[in-house]
Amino acid sequence: MTVRLPKDEDKYISGTDDIARIMQKVLWRQNKLHRQKEYFWTIGLNAANDIEYIELVTIGTSNRNIVTPVQVLSLAAAKECHKIVLCHNHPSGKLEPSEADIAFTDRMEKAAAVLEIELLDHIIITEVNYVAI
């Protein structure tokens, strides 16, 4: 599902801080009950680092989300984006990436490379902070 860019945000991205801020705003659009689930988004960028799309790929449980490379990369390939950023939230508020988060990032980087898509970052957000894997 495509997600709208917050109205007060520019589509140009200069770095991880910009993506994290935007995605926290997207997360805050959800009511408090829904923010207790893990969301996974893909952000596609063009060559000028403008956001082409924000896609909500899946909504998981409070501590788990199952995502496949096809789900993550299909829209990027269809829109011919050569750069993507992955983002998911940790409803627990803990920013520490799990072993599964790290392994998934590595797997996605390899899968994206096959399609000549650069994985710029994988960001974990909470309601107030973020960390990049």
Protein backbone atom coordinates (compact mmCIF):
# COMPACT_ATOMS: atom_id res chain seq x y z
CA MET A 1 0.00 0.00 0.00
CA THR A 2 1.43 3.38 -1.02
CA VAL A 3 1.78 5.88 1.82
CA ARG A 4 1.51 9.64 1.35
CA LEU A 5 4.48 11.82 2.19
CA PRO A 6 3.63 14.09 5.16
CA LYS A 7 2.46 17.49 3.86
CA ASP A 8 5.16 19.44 5.70
CA GLU A 9 7.99 17.33 4.26
CA ASP A 10 10.03 17.83 1.12
CA LYS A 11 10.56 14.81 -1.11
CA TYR A 12 14.33 15.46 -1.32
CA ILE A 13 16.36 13.32 1.08
CA SER A 14 19.78 14.47 2.23
CA GLY A 15 20.42 11.60 4.64
CA THR A 16 19.22 9.11 7.21
CA ASP A 17 17.92 11.82 9.55
CA ASP A 18 15.43 12.97 6.89
CA ILE A 19 14.06 9.46 6.28
CA ALA A 20 13.81 8.70 10.01
CA ARG A 21 11.93 11.95 10.71
CA ILE A 22 9.50 11.35 7.84
CA MET A 23 8.88 7.74 8.83
CA GLN A 24 8.28 8.67 12.47
CA LYS A 25 5.60 11.08 11.24
CA VAL A 26 4.10 8.28 9.16
CA LEU A 27 4.11 6.02 12.23
CA TRP A 28 2.47 8.75 14.36
CA ARG A 29 -0.46 8.79 11.92
CA GLN A 30 -1.48 5.43 13.36
CA ASN A 31 -3.50 5.38 16.54
CA LYS A 32 -1.70 4.28 19.71
CA LEU A 33 -3.11 0.75 19.57
CA HIS A 34 -1.92 0.24 15.99
CA ARG A 35 1.56 1.60 16.83
CA GLN A 36 1.99 -1.51 18.99
CA LYS A 37 2.45 -3.56 15.82
CA GLU A 38 5.60 -3.79 13.74
CA TYR A 39 5.32 -1.99 10.40
CA PHE A 40 7.73 -2.49 7.50
CA TRP A 41 8.12 0.14 4.77
CA THR A 42 10.23 0.50 1.65
CA ILE A 43 11.16 3.95 0.41
CA GLY A 44 12.18 4.28 -3.25
CA LEU A 45 14.45 7.12 -4.36
CA ASN A 46 15.40 8.45 -7.76
CA ALA A 47 18.91 9.44 -8.85
CA ALA A 48 18.47 12.93 -7.35
CA ASN A 49 17.52 11.42 -3.93
CA ASP A 50 13.89 12.48 -4.23
CA ILE A 51 11.33 10.11 -2.74
CA GLU A 52 9.47 8.32 -5.53
CA TYR A 53 7.29 6.29 -3.16
CA ILE A 54 6.79 5.11 0.39
CA GLU A 55 5.23 1.67 0.51
CA LEU A 56 3.81 -0.08 3.55
CA VAL A 57 4.92 -3.63 2.76
CA THR A 58 3.58 -5.49 5.79
CA ILE A 59 2.10 -5.09 9.26
CA GLY A 60 3.29 -7.72 11.68
CA THR A 61 2.78 -8.48 15.34
CA SER A 62 4.24 -6.69 18.36
CA ASN A 63 7.68 -8.21 17.78
CA ARG A 64 7.76 -9.88 14.38
CA ASN A 65 7.25 -9.16 10.73
CA ILE A 66 7.65 -11.60 7.85
CA VAL A 67 8.89 -9.92 4.69
CA THR A 68 10.22 -11.45 1.48
CA PRO A 69 12.63 -9.94 -1.07
CA VAL A 70 9.88 -10.01 -3.73
CA GLN A 71 7.60 -7.89 -1.52
CA VAL A 72 10.38 -5.41 -0.84
CA LEU A 73 11.80 -5.09 -4.33
CA SER A 74 8.80 -5.43 -6.65
CA LEU A 75 7.68 -1.78 -6.53
CA ALA A 76 11.26 -0.51 -6.78
CA ALA A 77 11.76 -2.62 -9.90
CA ALA A 78 8.41 -1.57 -11.38
CA LYS A 79 9.16 2.13 -10.83
CA GLU A 80 12.79 1.66 -11.91
CA CYS A 81 14.17 3.11 -8.67
CA HIS A 82 17.85 2.42 -8.32
CA LYS A 83 17.98 3.27 -4.60
CA ILE A 84 15.87 2.10 -1.69
CA VAL A 85 15.73 2.53 2.06
CA LEU A 86 14.15 -0.06 4.34
CA CYS A 87 12.44 1.02 7.53
CA HIS A 88 10.59 -0.72 10.31
CA ASN A 89 9.51 0.18 13.80
CA HIS A 90 10.17 -1.54 17.11
CA PRO A 91 7.00 -1.14 19.19
CA SER A 92 8.97 -2.15 22.30
CA GLY A 93 10.88 1.14 22.09
CA LYS A 94 14.21 -0.71 22.03
CA LEU A 95 16.43 0.36 19.15
CA GLU A 96 18.86 -2.56 19.32
CA PRO A 97 18.73 -4.46 15.99
CA SER A 98 18.04 -8.16 16.47
CA GLU A 99 20.11 -10.87 14.82
CA ALA A 100 17.14 -11.38 12.48
CA ASP A 101 17.18 -7.66 11.58
CA ILE A 102 20.89 -7.81 10.72
CA ALA A 103 20.56 -11.05 8.74
CA PHE A 104 17.53 -9.69 6.86
CA THR A 105 19.41 -6.50 5.94
CA ASP A 106 22.31 -8.55 4.56
CA ARG A 107 19.92 -10.76 2.59
CA MET A 108 18.08 -7.76 1.15
CA GLU A 109 21.32 -6.03 0.17
CA LYS A 110 22.32 -9.10 -1.84
CA ALA A 111 18.88 -9.50 -3.42
CA ALA A 112 18.74 -5.80 -4.36
CA ALA A 113 22.22 -5.96 -5.90
CA VAL A 114 21.03 -8.63 -8.34
CA LEU A 115 18.50 -6.07 -9.64
CA GLU A 116 21.12 -3.29 -9.55
CA ILE A 117 19.21 -1.53 -6.79
CA GLU A 118 21.32 0.08 -4.09
CA LEU A 119 20.15 -0.50 -0.52
CA LEU A 120 21.14 2.79 1.11
CA ASP A 121 19.97 2.04 4.64
CA HIS A 122 17.80 -0.03 6.90
CA ILE A 123 16.40 2.16 9.65
CA ILE A 124 14.71 1.02 12.85
CA ILE A 125 12.46 3.66 14.35
CA THR A 126 10.59 4.11 17.59
CA GLU A 127 8.16 6.92 18.29
CA VAL A 128 11.03 9.18 19.41
CA ASN A 129 14.34 7.83 18.09
CA TYR A 130 16.00 5.73 15.41
CA VAL A 131 19.08 3.67 14.55
CA ALA A 132 20.46 2.62 11.16
CA ILE A 133 21.64 -0.94 10.67
